[in-house]
Protein backbone atom coordinates (compact mmCIF):
# COMPACT_ATOMS: atom_id res chain seq x y z
CA UNK A 1 6.05 63.15 3.70
CA UNK A 2 5.49 60.10 1.51
CA UNK A 3 4.69 56.64 2.83
CA UNK A 4 8.13 55.46 1.70
CA UNK A 5 9.77 57.70 4.31
CA UNK A 6 7.69 56.30 7.18
CA UNK A 7 9.55 53.96 9.52
CA UNK A 8 7.64 50.72 9.01
CA UNK A 9 6.85 48.42 11.91
CA UNK A 10 7.05 51.22 14.49
CA UNK A 11 4.53 53.59 15.95
CA UNK A 12 6.75 56.56 16.84
CA UNK A 13 8.60 58.04 13.90
CA UNK A 14 11.29 59.83 15.90
CA UNK A 15 13.20 59.85 19.16
CA UNK A 16 12.24 62.99 21.01
CA UNK A 17 14.77 64.37 23.53
CA UNK A 18 14.48 63.10 27.09
CA UNK A 19 12.93 66.02 29.01
CA UNK A 20 14.99 65.22 32.12
CA UNK A 21 18.26 65.55 30.22
CA UNK A 22 17.59 68.69 28.21
CA UNK A 23 18.73 71.13 30.88
CA UNK A 24 21.85 69.32 32.00
CA UNK A 25 23.08 67.37 28.97
CA UNK A 26 24.27 68.56 25.58
CA UNK A 27 22.83 66.38 22.83
CA UNK A 28 25.46 65.68 20.17
CA UNK A 29 25.14 63.95 16.83
CA UNK A 30 28.84 63.25 16.09
CA UNK A 31 28.22 59.50 15.81
CA UNK A 32 25.30 59.95 13.41
CA UNK A 33 27.34 62.31 11.24
CA UNK A 34 30.27 59.87 11.18
CA UNK A 35 28.00 57.02 10.07
CA UNK A 36 26.51 59.16 7.31
CA UNK A 37 29.97 60.04 5.97
CA UNK A 38 31.03 56.39 6.02
CA UNK A 39 27.87 55.30 4.24
CA UNK A 40 26.68 53.29 7.25
CA UNK A 41 23.33 53.26 8.99
CA UNK A 42 23.40 54.45 12.58
CA UNK A 43 19.95 53.03 13.20
CA UNK A 44 19.11 49.46 12.20
CA UNK A 45 15.68 49.55 13.88
CA UNK A 46 16.34 46.35 15.86
CA UNK A 47 14.89 45.72 19.29
CA UNK A 48 17.31 45.45 22.22
CA UNK A 49 16.54 43.53 25.41
CA UNK A 50 18.29 44.95 28.47
CA UNK A 51 18.12 43.23 31.86
CA UNK A 52 17.46 45.41 34.90
CA UNK A 53 17.40 44.54 38.59
CA UNK A 54 14.63 46.32 40.52
CA UNK A 55 14.43 45.89 44.28
CA UNK A 56 10.64 45.59 44.26
CA UNK A 57 8.14 44.51 41.62
CA UNK A 58 4.63 45.30 42.96
CA UNK A 59 3.73 48.97 42.56
CA UNK A 60 1.11 50.81 44.57
CA UNK A 61 -1.05 52.80 42.16
CA UNK A 62 -1.74 56.23 43.62
CA UNK A 63 -3.93 57.54 40.78
CA UNK A 64 -7.55 57.26 42.02
CA UNK A 65 -9.19 56.91 38.59
CA UNK A 66 -7.44 53.95 36.92
CA UNK A 67 -9.44 51.14 38.49
CA UNK A 68 -6.55 49.35 40.19
CA UNK A 69 -4.63 49.64 43.44
CA UNK A 70 -1.51 47.60 42.62
CA UNK A 71 0.29 46.69 39.42
CA UNK A 72 3.18 44.52 38.25
CA UNK A 73 5.13 45.15 35.05
CA UNK A 74 7.58 42.42 33.95
CA UNK A 75 8.85 44.69 31.17
CA UNK A 76 9.56 48.40 30.80
CA UNK A 77 9.03 49.77 27.32
CA UNK A 78 6.82 47.96 24.83
CA UNK A 79 7.52 46.66 21.35
CA UNK A 80 3.85 46.87 20.38
CA UNK A 81 4.54 50.49 19.46
CA UNK A 82 1.08 51.94 20.12
CA UNK A 83 1.53 55.60 19.24
CA UNK A 84 -0.95 56.86 21.86
CA UNK A 85 0.46 54.87 24.82
CA UNK A 86 0.57 56.86 28.05
CA UNK A 87 3.37 54.62 29.35
CA UNK A 88 5.88 56.08 26.88
CA UNK A 89 6.64 58.91 29.30
CA UNK A 90 7.85 56.46 31.95
CA UNK A 91 10.73 55.37 29.71
CA UNK A 92 12.31 58.77 30.32
CA UNK A 93 12.74 57.87 33.98
CA UNK A 94 15.21 55.21 32.84
CA UNK A 95 17.17 57.67 30.71
CA UNK A 96 15.63 56.78 27.36
CA UNK A 97 13.35 58.52 24.87
CA UNK A 98 9.58 58.14 24.96
CA UNK A 99 9.73 57.77 21.17
CA UNK A 100 11.54 54.99 19.35
CA UNK A 101 13.54 54.01 22.44
CA UNK A 102 10.29 52.99 24.14
CA UNK A 103 9.66 50.47 21.36
CA UNK A 104 13.23 49.30 20.75
CA UNK A 105 14.92 49.26 24.16
CA UNK A 106 12.94 46.85 26.30
CA UNK A 107 13.99 46.45 29.93
CA UNK A 108 13.62 42.90 31.20
CA UNK A 109 12.91 42.12 34.86
CA UNK A 110 13.91 38.47 35.18
CA UNK A 111 13.71 38.59 38.98
CA UNK A 112 10.02 39.52 38.89
CA UNK A 113 8.69 36.07 39.92
CA UNK A 114 11.11 35.88 42.87
CA UNK A 115 10.29 39.41 44.00
CA UNK A 116 6.57 38.70 43.66
CA UNK A 117 6.84 35.60 45.83
CA UNK A 118 8.69 37.58 48.50
CA UNK A 119 5.96 40.21 48.38
CA UNK A 120 3.06 37.76 48.71
CA UNK A 121 4.75 36.11 51.71
CA UNK A 122 4.69 39.34 53.72
CA UNK A 123 2.73 38.98 56.93
CA UNK A 124 1.49 42.56 56.57
CA UNK A 125 0.11 42.07 53.05
CA UNK A 126 -3.67 41.73 52.78
CA UNK A 127 -4.79 40.33 49.44
CA UNK A 128 -5.81 42.90 46.83
CA UNK A 129 -5.93 42.48 43.08
CA UNK A 130 -2.51 42.91 41.48
CA UNK A 131 -2.79 43.80 37.80
CA UNK A 132 -0.24 42.57 35.29
CA UNK A 133 0.36 45.34 32.71
CA UNK A 134 -0.54 48.38 34.74
CA UNK A 135 1.99 50.22 32.58
CA UNK A 136 3.27 48.12 29.66
CA UNK A 137 1.86 44.94 28.12
CA UNK A 138 2.93 41.80 29.97
CA UNK A 139 2.39 39.71 26.79
CA UNK A 140 4.38 41.88 24.42
CA UNK A 141 6.78 40.03 22.04
CA UNK A 142 9.54 39.77 24.68
CA UNK A 143 7.33 37.45 26.74
CA UNK A 144 7.56 34.74 24.09
CA UNK A 145 11.28 34.50 24.82
CA UNK A 146 11.54 35.27 28.53
CA UNK A 147 8.23 33.85 29.91
CA UNK A 148 8.34 36.15 32.96
CA UNK A 149 4.57 36.68 32.91
CA UNK A 150 3.94 32.95 32.90
CA UNK A 151 6.27 32.49 35.88
CA UNK A 152 4.44 35.25 37.75
CA UNK A 153 1.09 33.58 37.07
CA UNK A 154 2.50 30.38 38.56
CA UNK A 155 3.38 32.33 41.71
CA UNK A 156 -0.13 33.79 41.92
CA UNK A 157 -1.54 30.27 41.58
CA UNK A 158 0.80 28.89 44.24
CA UNK A 159 -0.25 31.54 46.75
CA UNK A 160 -3.94 31.53 45.77
CA UNK A 161 -3.80 35.25 45.06
CA UNK A 162 -6.15 37.22 42.75
CA UNK A 163 -4.61 38.70 39.60
CA UNK A 164 -5.84 40.86 36.74
CA UNK A 165 -4.37 41.01 33.24
CA UNK A 166 -4.50 43.76 30.62
CA UNK A 167 -3.23 42.84 27.15
CA UNK A 168 -3.75 43.15 23.41
CA UNK A 169 -1.60 40.15 22.53
CA UNK A 170 -2.91 36.69 21.64
CA UNK A 171 0.11 35.13 23.38
CA UNK A 172 -2.04 35.02 26.51
CA UNK A 173 -3.62 31.80 25.17
CA UNK A 174 -0.28 30.05 25.63
CA UNK A 175 -0.98 30.22 29.37
CA UNK A 176 -4.55 28.97 29.19
CA UNK A 177 -3.62 26.00 31.38
CA UNK A 178 -2.66 28.27 34.29
CA UNK A 179 -5.55 30.67 33.71
CA UNK A 180 -8.04 27.79 33.94
CA UNK A 181 -6.55 26.72 37.27
CA UNK A 182 -6.77 30.27 38.61
CA UNK A 183 -10.37 30.53 37.44
CA UNK A 184 -11.41 27.47 39.44
CA UNK A 185 -11.00 29.63 42.55
CA UNK A 186 -12.13 32.94 40.98
CA UNK A 187 -8.61 34.34 41.02
CA UNK A 188 -8.36 35.77 37.48
CA UNK A 189 -9.91 38.57 35.41
CA UNK A 190 -8.73 39.49 31.92
CA UNK A 191 -9.04 42.77 30.03
CA UNK A 192 -8.50 42.66 26.27
CA UNK A 193 -7.89 45.96 24.51
CA UNK A 194 -9.45 46.28 21.05
CA UNK A 195 -9.32 49.64 19.27
CA UNK A 196 -10.55 48.96 15.73
CA UNK A 197 -12.13 46.38 13.46
CA UNK A 198 -10.11 47.82 10.57
CA UNK A 199 -6.73 46.19 10.04
CA UNK A 200 -5.52 49.30 8.23
CA UNK A 201 -6.25 51.40 11.29
CA UNK A 202 -4.85 48.79 13.66
CA UNK A 203 -1.55 48.54 11.77
CA UNK A 204 -0.77 52.23 11.88
CA UNK A 205 -2.02 52.79 15.45
CA UNK A 206 -0.52 49.62 16.97
CA UNK A 207 1.99 48.23 14.46
CA UNK A 208 3.25 45.17 16.38
CA UNK A 209 0.11 44.05 18.17
CA UNK A 210 -2.05 41.01 17.45
CA UNK A 211 -4.66 41.45 14.73
CA UNK A 212 -8.21 42.28 15.78
CA UNK A 213 -9.34 38.87 14.54
CA UNK A 214 -6.86 37.14 16.86
CA UNK A 215 -7.87 39.31 19.80
CA UNK A 216 -11.52 38.44 19.29
CA UNK A 217 -10.48 34.79 19.23
CA UNK A 218 -8.80 35.36 22.60
CA UNK A 219 -12.03 36.80 23.99
CA UNK A 220 -14.00 33.82 22.70
CA UNK A 221 -11.53 31.18 23.91
CA UNK A 222 -11.26 32.66 27.40
CA UNK A 223 -15.03 33.04 27.64
CA UNK A 224 -15.57 29.44 26.56
CA UNK A 225 -13.35 28.45 29.49
CA UNK A 226 -15.39 30.59 31.94
CA UNK A 227 -12.56 33.08 32.35
CA UNK A 228 -14.15 36.54 32.79
CA UNK A 229 -13.21 38.99 30.03
CA UNK A 230 -13.75 42.72 29.71
CA UNK A 231 -13.15 44.35 26.34
CA UNK A 232 -11.55 47.77 26.60
CA UNK A 233 -12.14 50.29 23.83
CA UNK A 234 -8.97 52.09 24.75
CA UNK A 235 -8.43 54.64 23.61
CA UNK A 236 -11.27 56.12 21.59
CA UNK A 237 -9.74 58.67 19.22
CA UNK A 238 -12.18 61.10 17.53
CA UNK A 239 -12.37 60.66 13.74
CA UNK A 240 -10.08 57.60 13.86
CA UNK A 241 -12.06 54.91 15.68
CA UNK A 242 -14.92 56.79 17.37
CA UNK A 243 -17.34 55.64 14.64
CA UNK A 244 -16.63 51.98 15.52
CA UNK A 245 -17.96 51.94 19.08
CA UNK A 246 -21.23 50.08 18.37
CA UNK A 247 -19.71 47.55 15.90
CA UNK A 248 -16.84 46.86 18.33
CA UNK A 249 -19.25 46.38 21.22
CA UNK A 250 -21.40 44.03 19.15
CA UNK A 251 -18.39 41.87 18.22
CA UNK A 252 -17.11 41.83 21.79
CA UNK A 253 -20.52 40.71 23.04
CA UNK A 254 -20.87 38.02 20.38
CA UNK A 255 -17.47 36.61 21.37
CA UNK A 256 -18.46 36.32 25.03
CA UNK A 257 -17.11 39.41 26.79
CA UNK A 258 -18.90 40.13 30.07
CA UNK A 259 -18.40 43.89 30.08
CA UNK A 260 -17.19 46.89 28.13
CA UNK A 261 -15.04 49.87 29.13
CA UNK A 262 -13.67 52.87 27.27
CA UNK A 263 -11.12 55.67 27.62
CA UNK A 264 -10.89 58.84 25.54
CA UNK A 265 -7.39 59.43 24.24
CA UNK A 266 -5.25 61.90 26.16
CA UNK A 267 -1.81 62.81 24.89
CA UNK A 268 0.03 63.45 28.14
CA UNK A 269 3.62 64.63 28.40
CA UNK A 270 5.78 63.88 25.39
CA UNK A 271 3.02 61.83 23.74
CA UNK A 272 1.49 64.98 22.30
CA UNK A 273 4.65 65.71 20.30
CA UNK A 274 4.97 62.09 19.12
CA UNK A 275 1.31 61.75 18.16
CA UNK A 276 1.28 65.07 16.30
CA UNK A 277 4.36 64.06 14.29
CA UNK A 278 2.91 60.61 13.64
CA UNK A 279 -0.52 61.70 12.44
CA UNK A 280 0.89 64.34 10.10
CA UNK A 281 2.97 61.61 8.47
CA UNK A 282 0.40 58.80 8.42
CA UNK A 283 -2.89 60.71 8.02
CA UNK A 284 -1.95 64.09 6.57
CA UNK A 285 -5.42 64.64 5.08
CA UNK A 286 -7.19 64.60 8.45
CA UNK A 287 -4.42 65.34 10.94
CA UNK A 288 -5.64 68.83 11.85
CA UNK A 289 -9.23 67.64 12.26
CA UNK A 290 -8.24 64.82 14.61
CA UNK A 291 -5.93 67.02 16.69
CA UNK A 292 -8.58 69.74 17.05
CA UNK A 293 -11.22 67.20 18.08
CA UNK A 294 -8.90 65.72 20.70
CA UNK A 295 -8.29 69.24 22.01
CA UNK A 296 -12.03 69.84 22.18
CA UNK A 297 -12.29 66.89 24.58
CA UNK A 298 -9.70 68.36 26.95
CA UNK A 299 -10.47 72.04 27.28
CA UNK A 300 -8.52 73.11 24.20
CA UNK A 301 -5.40 71.03 24.95
CA UNK A 302 -4.17 67.62 23.86
CA UNK A 303 -4.08 66.48 27.48
CA UNK A 304 -5.97 67.05 30.71
CA UNK A 305 -4.28 65.78 33.87
CA UNK A 306 -7.21 66.21 36.26
CA UNK A 307 -8.09 62.99 38.04
CA UNK A 308 -11.58 61.80 37.23
CA UNK A 309 -11.76 63.96 34.13
CA UNK A 310 -8.63 63.15 32.13
CA UNK A 311 -9.81 59.83 30.69
CA UNK A 312 -13.49 60.78 30.29
CA UNK A 313 -12.99 64.07 28.53
CA UNK A 314 -15.51 66.91 28.34
CA UNK A 315 -17.42 68.83 25.71
CA UNK A 316 -19.77 67.76 22.95
CA UNK A 317 -17.57 65.12 21.27
CA UNK A 318 -16.70 63.47 24.59
CA UNK A 319 -20.41 63.37 25.47
CA UNK A 320 -21.28 61.81 22.12
CA UNK A 321 -18.68 59.10 22.75
CA UNK A 322 -19.95 58.52 26.28
CA UNK A 323 -23.55 58.25 25.05
CA UNK A 324 -22.56 55.73 22.36
CA UNK A 325 -20.72 53.57 24.90
CA UNK A 326 -23.70 53.76 27.26
CA UNK A 327 -26.01 52.69 24.44
CA UNK A 328 -23.63 49.85 23.51
CA UNK A 329 -23.64 48.57 27.09
CA UNK A 330 -27.44 48.65 27.27
CA UNK A 331 -27.81 46.97 23.88
CA UNK A 332 -25.16 44.26 24.10
CA UNK A 333 -24.23 43.80 27.79
CA UNK A 334 -27.48 44.48 29.64
CA UNK A 335 -27.70 41.19 31.53
CA UNK A 336 -23.99 40.52 31.97
CA UNK A 337 -21.94 41.20 35.07
CA UNK A 338 -18.22 40.58 35.66
CA UNK A 339 -17.52 38.12 38.46
CA UNK A 340 -15.84 39.19 41.69
CA UNK A 341 -12.38 37.93 42.54
CA UNK A 342 -11.70 35.81 45.61
CA UNK A 343 -9.53 37.44 48.28
CA UNK A 344 -10.13 34.93 51.06
CA UNK A 345 -8.05 32.03 49.77
CA UNK A 346 -4.77 33.90 50.02
CA UNK A 347 -5.51 34.82 53.63
CA UNK A 348 -6.34 31.18 54.38
CA UNK A 349 -3.12 30.14 52.66
CA UNK A 350 -1.09 32.50 54.83
CA UNK A 351 -2.76 31.24 58.01
CA UNK A 352 -2.05 27.66 56.99
CA UNK A 353 1.61 28.42 56.32
CA UNK A 354 2.06 30.32 59.60
CA UNK A 355 0.81 27.26 61.52
CA UNK A 356 3.83 25.38 60.22
CA UNK A 357 6.05 27.71 62.25
């Protein structure tokens, strides 16, 4: 396939069938055929924002190896379009495809700040870090319009509650005023995902994300304001960005990051189909090599679902990646430690409020 036939500005190049519908629904293409006959386009590639009304907003994370216990996602689906994103599969729970639907049909949770406030007011809740973006990026393009993440941060500040953020979007600097206030009481920790120093690689892997240069600026700006930042090399993909581990670590350190973390790519669920289609279209010359090396990290498969093993990988290539990251930490982050978040203030806040009653 030539580059002219690649859908520009998107990661996924197709809408795979929803696995939950395949057994009970007949997929028909009457509408697409009608549009073709009439000379019209059935797919204009525009993003749709659809409001949804969840009953709760804070999710308990049951997976023991993801480094968080609770998450909050203001948006479902993500316009960033990262082809490797594990969250794509969750879009099927809403009746959509993990492919292009994930990038173009964004579900908006406008009630998130209200639901969060109700949650933090619970007498039975004991403060634990709640991470914004446990599934999809809380600073994706939709946030510029809806500002749900900013409103949630204001709630965390009001209730003196610790919060973590994972993002690859420079829009986070818009909320520097709130982040600085949270940091005064050690209530904020930020994780910035950076996958490549090459803009060519970044564009095809993550077509609608902030440039690497802007992300490094985010790391520097937050660090200059004493806001703790971890840079996440996530994911490391053999023969795509695995050779950049040391240069990425060096840049992260020079821009003030306190720590470094990494994840080896795993193509769980439908992601394997999407990634395979994508790499054969975007990198046909090395597609088989990359796929085979990913398989070598997961026991001969594109994915390994075992807790504790799935994101670390196994085998020679996974060990080489692990050793490089270990070396990078020793070389560039030896004397740096991330600060601990404050859980006591929220408990004091609750006690103070209860006295009013």
